[in-house]
Amino acid sequence: MKSLTDMKSITDKKILIDIKHPAQLNLFKGLSKELQDENWDVTICYLDRGKLPKIIASEYAGFKTIPVGSSKGTKWSILWNGNIKRTLVFLKMIREHKYNICVTASSIPLALASRISKLPIIQFYDDPERGSINKINAKLSSQLFFPPIVKETSKVSTFNCLKEWSYLSPRRFKPDKAILEKYNLTPYNYVFIREVSNKSFNYYNQEDAIICGFSKEINTNTKVVLSLEDKSLTAKFPQHWTILEEPVGDIHSLIYYSKLVISSGDSMAREGAMLGVPSVYCGIRQMKANELLMKQGILSHLPGKTAVPFINTTIDAAFQEQAQLTVRNRLLENWDDMVVFMKEQINKYKR
């Protein structure tokens, strides 16, 4: 039978984690598992958007997962269902479940609900370019954390890595060649491509299907696996490309063993770079998080068709496995353990 002290320690460890975008899925995955192993009561909330519910069901099996709000891609849906209604639901949840802290990555609805409820909330984000949104989040949150790409203030602090390192560090991720058999692939002899939709807030001003526009100019003598967010575009890509059906069991091993990563979205371009694979971001966004990797020579930003010469040159060259290991080890030596950092902040700020 648990003592009163034991019971109190359990009730003092209730956390709500909000995930509103696929790029945030893995950020909190390892953290959630470690907290659960340490007897935290973990609730995962998520935005009902695209494939996110299906992936949440797969990646967060065994957790309490609750859809909060939705987004159908229109500006009205994002405003009403994705923000106003979400705030009201979060207020109700906080009042009923009495969490000790909330954790998220740029969620104004949860930050506002937490502020009204006088509940600690900390956020981990990597996009300082969204100035007005970040100012609101900083004001509403207990603390807002960024990679070392911002100026610190009383409400803004930094961690020494990028957020993707929380699940891509060699301490957290071990590549497995088993996934290659499913797609009849051999290591370092195929290209991994990610094509994002322009229907999300981040990419409203970006041309739709950027990679599709120059896909036929990519060297046809190599295999290609394509992660396509908007499956309605399937017929517009070369027929010999393999289009993935999400959720993919081990997508980061697919990336790790590829010869080249091409992405119209910034997150997966950074993932490829941190996995030591030559990576090119061909979207339009200028991002300090990307620049951190570009300065290290492990990520290229080549918008649209300007990426084609780099792509074909890289396909023609032999893959350098030792260079991949060197990149990974250098980052491991110089960067923080993101999961450890997040746990330290949770224990610092929880009530």
Protein backbone atom coordinates (compact mmCIF):
# COMPACT_ATOMS: atom_id res chain seq x y z
CA MET A 1 0.00 0.00 0.00
CA LYS A 2 1.38 3.41 -1.02
CA SER A 3 2.10 5.92 1.75
CA LEU A 4 0.61 9.42 1.74
CA THR A 5 4.03 10.74 0.71
CA ASP A 6 4.12 8.37 -2.28
CA MET A 7 0.59 9.32 -3.29
CA LYS A 8 1.44 13.03 -3.09
CA SER A 9 4.55 12.54 -5.24
CA ILE A 10 2.41 10.91 -7.93
CA THR A 11 -0.26 13.62 -7.87
CA ASP A 12 2.50 16.24 -8.10
CA LYS A 13 3.62 14.75 -11.43
CA LYS A 14 0.79 15.42 -13.88
CA ILE A 15 1.84 16.92 -17.20
CA LEU A 16 -0.03 17.98 -20.35
CA ILE A 17 1.97 17.98 -23.58
CA ASP A 18 0.45 19.62 -26.67
CA ILE A 19 1.41 18.61 -30.21
CA LYS A 20 -0.07 20.57 -33.09
CA HIS A 21 2.24 19.74 -36.00
CA PRO A 22 3.90 16.53 -37.29
CA ALA A 23 7.33 18.14 -36.85
CA GLN A 24 6.69 18.21 -33.08
CA LEU A 25 5.80 14.51 -32.79
CA ASN A 26 9.27 13.23 -32.14
CA LEU A 27 10.40 16.21 -30.08
CA PHE A 28 8.34 15.00 -27.12
CA LYS A 29 8.33 11.25 -27.78
CA GLY A 30 11.46 10.29 -25.82
CA LEU A 31 10.63 12.84 -23.12
CA SER A 32 7.13 11.40 -22.67
CA LYS A 33 8.42 7.85 -22.33
CA GLU A 34 11.05 8.81 -19.77
CA LEU A 35 8.55 10.83 -17.75
CA GLN A 36 6.10 7.93 -17.82
CA ASP A 37 8.85 5.58 -16.61
CA GLU A 38 9.43 8.03 -13.74
CA ASN A 39 5.76 7.77 -12.70
CA TRP A 40 4.55 10.96 -14.32
CA ASP A 41 0.89 11.04 -15.39
CA VAL A 42 1.35 12.11 -19.01
CA THR A 43 -1.48 13.43 -21.21
CA ILE A 44 -0.78 14.01 -24.91
CA CYS A 45 -3.07 16.51 -26.65
CA TYR A 46 -2.94 17.04 -30.38
CA LEU A 47 -4.52 19.06 -33.16
CA ASP A 48 -6.83 17.09 -35.45
CA ARG A 49 -4.96 17.94 -38.63
CA GLY A 50 -4.14 15.83 -41.68
CA LYS A 51 -2.32 12.59 -40.83
CA LEU A 52 -1.44 13.76 -37.31
CA PRO A 53 -4.15 11.74 -35.47
CA LYS A 54 -3.13 8.52 -37.22
CA ILE A 55 0.54 9.06 -36.48
CA ILE A 56 -0.19 9.99 -32.85
CA ALA A 57 -2.10 6.73 -32.42
CA SER A 58 0.94 4.83 -33.67
CA GLU A 59 3.77 6.78 -32.06
CA TYR A 60 2.10 7.45 -28.70
CA ALA A 61 0.44 4.09 -28.11
CA GLY A 62 0.06 3.51 -24.38
CA PHE A 63 -0.43 7.20 -23.56
CA LYS A 64 -3.61 9.14 -22.88
CA THR A 65 -4.08 10.96 -26.19
CA ILE A 66 -6.79 13.59 -26.62
CA PRO A 67 -7.65 15.54 -29.80
CA VAL A 68 -8.12 19.24 -29.03
CA GLY A 69 -9.35 21.46 -31.86
CA SER A 70 -8.86 20.90 -35.57
CA SER A 71 -7.53 22.52 -38.73
CA LYS A 72 -8.79 21.95 -42.25
CA GLY A 73 -6.18 24.21 -43.84
CA THR A 74 -8.33 27.33 -44.31
CA LYS A 75 -7.48 30.54 -42.45
CA TRP A 76 -10.89 30.52 -40.76
CA SER A 77 -10.46 26.93 -39.59
CA ILE A 78 -7.00 27.73 -38.23
CA LEU A 79 -8.35 30.75 -36.33
CA TRP A 80 -11.60 29.32 -34.97
CA ASN A 81 -11.07 25.55 -34.58
CA GLY A 82 -7.30 25.63 -34.23
CA ASN A 83 -7.03 28.52 -31.77
CA ILE A 84 -10.21 29.89 -30.14
CA LYS A 85 -11.96 26.56 -29.54
CA ARG A 86 -8.67 24.96 -28.49
CA THR A 87 -8.15 27.58 -25.80
CA LEU A 88 -11.60 26.91 -24.35
CA VAL A 89 -11.03 23.14 -24.29
CA PHE A 90 -7.64 23.56 -22.62
CA LEU A 91 -9.18 25.78 -19.94
CA LYS A 92 -11.71 23.07 -19.17
CA MET A 93 -9.06 20.33 -19.07
CA ILE A 94 -6.74 22.29 -16.78
CA ARG A 95 -9.58 23.03 -14.38
CA GLU A 96 -10.71 19.40 -14.27
CA HIS A 97 -7.38 17.55 -14.21
CA LYS A 98 -5.17 19.90 -12.16
CA TYR A 99 -1.91 19.41 -14.04
CA ASN A 100 1.38 20.47 -12.50
CA ILE A 101 2.85 21.83 -15.73
CA CYS A 102 2.18 22.10 -19.46
CA VAL A 103 4.79 21.65 -22.20
CA THR A 104 4.50 22.49 -25.88
CA ALA A 105 6.17 24.06 -28.92
CA SER A 106 4.56 27.38 -29.86
CA SER A 107 0.97 26.88 -28.75
CA ILE A 108 -0.73 30.19 -27.94
CA PRO A 109 -4.04 28.46 -27.03
CA LEU A 110 -2.37 26.32 -24.35
CA ALA A 111 -0.20 29.21 -23.17
CA LEU A 112 -3.25 31.47 -22.79
CA ALA A 113 -5.24 28.79 -20.98
CA SER A 114 -2.29 28.14 -18.67
CA ARG A 115 -1.79 31.84 -17.95
CA ILE A 116 -5.47 32.31 -17.09
CA SER A 117 -5.30 29.21 -14.87
CA LYS A 118 -2.01 30.31 -13.26
CA LEU A 119 -0.44 27.01 -14.34
CA PRO A 120 3.27 26.83 -15.30
CA ILE A 121 3.93 26.29 -18.98
CA ILE A 122 7.27 26.03 -20.79
CA GLN A 123 7.77 25.93 -24.54
CA PHE A 124 10.60 24.62 -26.72
CA TYR A 125 10.74 26.18 -30.17
CA ASP A 126 13.20 26.88 -32.99
CA ASP A 127 11.58 29.50 -35.22
CA PRO A 128 12.50 33.02 -34.05
CA GLU A 129 11.34 34.39 -37.40
CA ARG A 130 7.74 34.23 -36.18
CA GLY A 131 8.32 37.39 -34.15
CA SER A 132 4.81 38.45 -33.11
CA ILE A 133 3.76 34.91 -32.20
CA ASN A 134 6.93 34.38 -30.17
CA LYS A 135 6.37 37.64 -28.27
CA ILE A 136 2.89 36.49 -27.28
CA ASN A 137 4.14 33.04 -26.27
CA ALA A 138 6.98 34.53 -24.22
CA LYS A 139 4.59 36.85 -22.40
CA LEU A 140 2.11 34.06 -21.62
CA SER A 141 4.63 31.34 -20.73
CA SER A 142 6.77 30.69 -17.67
CA GLN A 143 9.73 30.38 -20.06
CA LEU A 144 10.30 30.06 -23.80
CA PHE A 145 13.37 28.08 -24.94
CA PHE A 146 15.20 28.33 -28.27
CA PRO A 147 18.41 26.97 -29.79
CA PRO A 148 21.39 29.39 -29.54
CA ILE A 149 19.99 31.55 -32.34
CA VAL A 150 18.22 34.23 -30.25
CA LYS A 151 19.10 36.88 -27.70
CA GLU A 152 18.22 35.76 -24.18
CA THR A 153 15.82 37.81 -22.05
CA SER A 154 14.04 37.29 -18.72
CA LYS A 155 11.44 35.10 -20.48
CA VAL A 156 13.55 33.64 -23.31
CA SER A 157 16.40 31.16 -22.71
CA THR A 158 18.47 28.85 -24.93
CA PHE A 159 19.51 25.22 -25.19
CA ASN A 160 22.67 24.19 -27.03
CA CYS A 161 21.31 22.09 -29.89
CA LEU A 162 18.40 21.99 -32.30
CA LYS A 163 15.13 20.43 -31.17
CA GLU A 164 15.43 17.51 -33.61
CA TRP A 165 18.48 16.38 -31.62
CA SER A 166 16.09 15.17 -28.90
CA TYR A 167 15.41 12.08 -31.03
CA LEU A 168 18.30 12.01 -33.53
CA SER A 169 21.26 12.04 -31.14
CA PRO A 170 23.25 8.78 -31.28
CA ARG A 171 22.20 8.38 -27.64
CA ARG A 172 18.55 8.26 -28.75
CA PHE A 173 18.61 6.89 -32.29
CA LYS A 174 20.22 3.73 -33.69
CA PRO A 175 19.65 3.18 -37.43
CA ASP A 176 18.19 -0.16 -38.46
CA LYS A 177 18.54 -1.53 -41.99
CA ALA A 178 15.46 -3.74 -41.60
CA ILE A 179 13.17 -0.99 -42.93
CA LEU A 180 15.06 -1.01 -46.26
CA GLU A 181 13.84 -4.51 -47.12
CA LYS A 182 10.23 -3.31 -47.21
CA TYR A 183 11.05 -0.96 -50.09
CA ASN A 184 13.72 -3.10 -51.79
CA LEU A 185 16.45 -0.56 -51.05
CA THR A 186 20.19 -0.84 -50.50
CA PRO A 187 22.06 1.55 -48.21
CA TYR A 188 23.23 4.82 -49.77
CA ASN A 189 21.79 3.99 -53.18
CA TYR A 190 18.54 5.96 -53.09
CA VAL A 191 17.31 9.50 -52.53
CA PHE A 192 14.85 10.48 -49.80
CA ILE A 193 12.45 13.32 -50.70
CA ARG A 194 9.92 15.16 -48.56
CA GLU A 195 7.26 17.33 -50.24
CA VAL A 196 5.20 19.40 -47.78
CA SER A 197 1.80 20.94 -48.39
CA ASN A 198 1.44 24.71 -48.52
CA LYS A 199 -1.85 24.49 -46.60
CA SER A 200 -0.22 24.83 -43.19
CA PHE A 201 0.35 28.23 -41.57
CA ASN A 202 4.13 28.01 -42.03
CA TYR A 203 3.92 27.51 -45.79
CA TYR A 204 0.97 29.65 -46.87
CA ASN A 205 3.24 31.91 -48.92
CA GLN A 206 5.19 29.05 -50.47
CA GLU A 207 4.57 27.71 -53.96
CA ASP A 208 2.77 24.38 -53.76
CA ALA A 209 4.60 21.19 -54.81
CA ILE A 210 8.02 22.80 -55.24
CA ILE A 211 9.88 19.54 -55.80
CA CYS A 212 7.17 18.25 -58.12
CA GLY A 213 7.93 21.22 -60.37
CA PHE A 214 11.48 20.01 -61.06
CA SER A 215 11.10 16.28 -60.29
CA LYS A 216 11.59 15.23 -63.90
CA GLU A 217 14.99 16.98 -63.95
CA ILE A 218 16.33 14.77 -61.16
CA ASN A 219 18.68 12.00 -62.29
CA THR A 220 16.53 9.02 -63.25
CA ASN A 221 19.31 6.49 -62.60
CA THR A 222 18.62 6.39 -58.87
CA LYS A 223 15.80 5.09 -56.73
CA VAL A 224 13.66 7.67 -54.97
CA VAL A 225 11.38 7.33 -51.93
CA LEU A 226 8.94 10.19 -51.50
CA SER A 227 7.21 11.34 -48.34
CA LEU A 228 4.29 13.27 -49.82
CA GLU A 229 2.07 15.25 -47.46
CA ASP A 230 -0.65 15.93 -50.06
CA LYS A 231 -1.39 12.57 -51.69
CA SER A 232 -3.66 14.21 -54.29
CA LEU A 233 -0.45 15.15 -56.11
CA THR A 234 0.71 11.53 -56.50
CA ALA A 235 0.11 11.28 -60.26
CA LYS A 236 2.23 14.37 -60.94
CA PHE A 237 5.48 12.75 -59.77
CA PRO A 238 7.62 10.31 -61.80
CA GLN A 239 6.01 6.87 -61.84
CA HIS A 240 9.18 5.06 -60.79
CA TRP A 241 9.30 6.92 -57.45
CA THR A 242 8.10 5.02 -54.38
CA ILE A 243 5.54 7.03 -52.43
CA LEU A 244 5.47 6.26 -48.71
CA GLU A 245 2.28 5.61 -46.78
CA GLU A 246 2.41 7.23 -43.34
CA PRO A 247 3.01 6.36 -40.64
CA VAL A 248 6.29 4.79 -41.75
CA GLY A 249 7.64 2.36 -39.17
CA ASP A 250 11.18 3.76 -39.06
CA ILE A 251 11.35 6.84 -41.25
CA HIS A 252 14.61 8.08 -39.71
CA SER A 253 16.43 4.89 -40.66
CA LEU A 254 15.14 5.45 -44.21
CA ILE A 255 16.65 8.92 -44.05
CA TYR A 256 19.90 7.76 -42.42
CA TYR A 257 20.67 5.19 -45.13
CA SER A 258 19.76 7.48 -48.03
CA LYS A 259 22.35 9.05 -50.30
CA LEU A 260 20.70 12.48 -50.29
CA VAL A 261 17.76 14.20 -48.58
CA ILE A 262 15.70 16.77 -50.50
CA SER A 263 12.91 18.59 -48.69
CA SER A 264 10.53 21.48 -49.36
CA GLY A 265 9.93 21.57 -45.61
CA ASP A 266 12.59 22.82 -43.23
CA SER A 267 12.23 20.21 -40.46
CA MET A 268 13.08 17.14 -42.50
CA ALA A 269 15.94 18.93 -44.23
CA ARG A 270 17.46 19.55 -40.80
CA GLU A 271 16.82 15.94 -39.79
CA GLY A 272 18.78 14.71 -42.80
CA ALA A 273 21.68 17.02 -41.97
CA MET A 274 21.79 15.88 -38.33
CA LEU A 275 21.79 12.26 -39.51
CA GLY A 276 24.93 13.07 -41.50
CA VAL A 277 23.31 12.81 -44.94
CA PRO A 278 23.89 15.50 -47.60
CA SER A 279 20.69 17.53 -47.34
CA VAL A 280 19.10 20.32 -49.33
CA TYR A 281 16.21 22.53 -48.28
CA CYS A 282 14.49 23.86 -51.40
CA GLY A 283 11.70 25.84 -49.73
CA ILE A 284 11.50 29.62 -49.43
CA ARG A 285 11.89 30.22 -45.70
CA GLN A 286 15.04 31.87 -44.39
CA MET A 287 15.57 30.30 -40.97
CA LYS A 288 18.24 30.79 -38.32
CA ALA A 289 17.88 27.14 -37.29
CA ASN A 290 18.86 26.14 -40.82
CA GLU A 291 21.74 28.62 -40.82
CA LEU A 292 23.18 26.93 -37.73
CA LEU A 293 23.63 23.77 -39.83
CA MET A 294 24.58 25.60 -43.01
CA LYS A 295 27.51 27.22 -41.19
CA GLN A 296 28.73 23.72 -40.33
CA GLY A 297 28.53 22.73 -43.99
CA ILE A 298 25.96 19.98 -43.47
CA LEU A 299 22.85 21.65 -44.95
CA SER A 300 22.29 23.52 -48.22
CA HIS A 301 19.48 25.98 -48.89
CA LEU A 302 18.75 26.05 -52.61
CA PRO A 303 15.21 27.28 -53.37
CA GLY A 304 13.20 25.63 -56.14
CA LYS A 305 14.96 24.59 -59.34
CA THR A 306 18.27 26.09 -58.22
CA ALA A 307 18.71 22.84 -56.26
CA VAL A 308 18.85 20.63 -59.38
CA PRO A 309 22.62 20.88 -60.15
CA PHE A 310 23.52 20.15 -56.52
CA ILE A 311 21.07 17.24 -56.44
CA ASN A 312 22.37 15.56 -59.57
CA THR A 313 26.03 16.10 -58.65
CA THR A 314 25.44 14.50 -55.26
CA ILE A 315 23.59 11.56 -56.82
CA ASP A 316 26.54 10.94 -59.16
CA ALA A 317 29.11 11.01 -56.34
CA ALA A 318 29.91 8.13 -53.98
CA PHE A 319 28.45 8.37 -50.49
CA GLN A 320 31.02 9.03 -47.74
CA GLU A 321 30.08 6.82 -44.78
CA GLN A 322 32.98 8.00 -42.65
CA ALA A 323 31.95 11.62 -43.16
CA GLN A 324 28.48 10.72 -41.91
CA LEU A 325 29.91 9.27 -38.69
CA THR A 326 32.20 12.26 -38.24
CA VAL A 327 29.27 14.68 -38.43
CA ARG A 328 27.24 12.65 -35.94
CA ASN A 329 30.08 12.35 -33.45
CA ARG A 330 30.94 16.04 -33.68
CA LEU A 331 27.35 17.04 -32.88
CA LEU A 332 27.20 14.50 -30.04
CA GLU A 333 30.34 15.96 -28.50
CA ASN A 334 29.31 19.60 -28.80
CA TRP A 335 25.53 19.63 -28.24
CA ASP A 336 23.26 19.21 -25.21
CA ASP A 337 21.19 16.11 -24.53
CA MET A 338 17.82 17.71 -25.32
CA VAL A 339 15.71 15.22 -23.36
CA VAL A 340 17.81 15.71 -20.24
CA PHE A 341 17.54 19.48 -20.68
CA MET A 342 13.74 19.40 -21.03
CA LYS A 343 13.34 17.20 -17.94
CA GLU A 344 15.49 19.59 -15.91
CA GLN A 345 13.29 22.52 -16.92
CA ILE A 346 10.07 20.60 -16.21
CA ASN A 347 11.23 19.80 -12.69
CA LYS A 348 12.36 23.39 -12.21
CA TYR A 349 9.10 25.05 -13.26
CA LYS A 350 6.39 22.55 -12.19
CA ARG A 351 4.18 23.59 -9.31
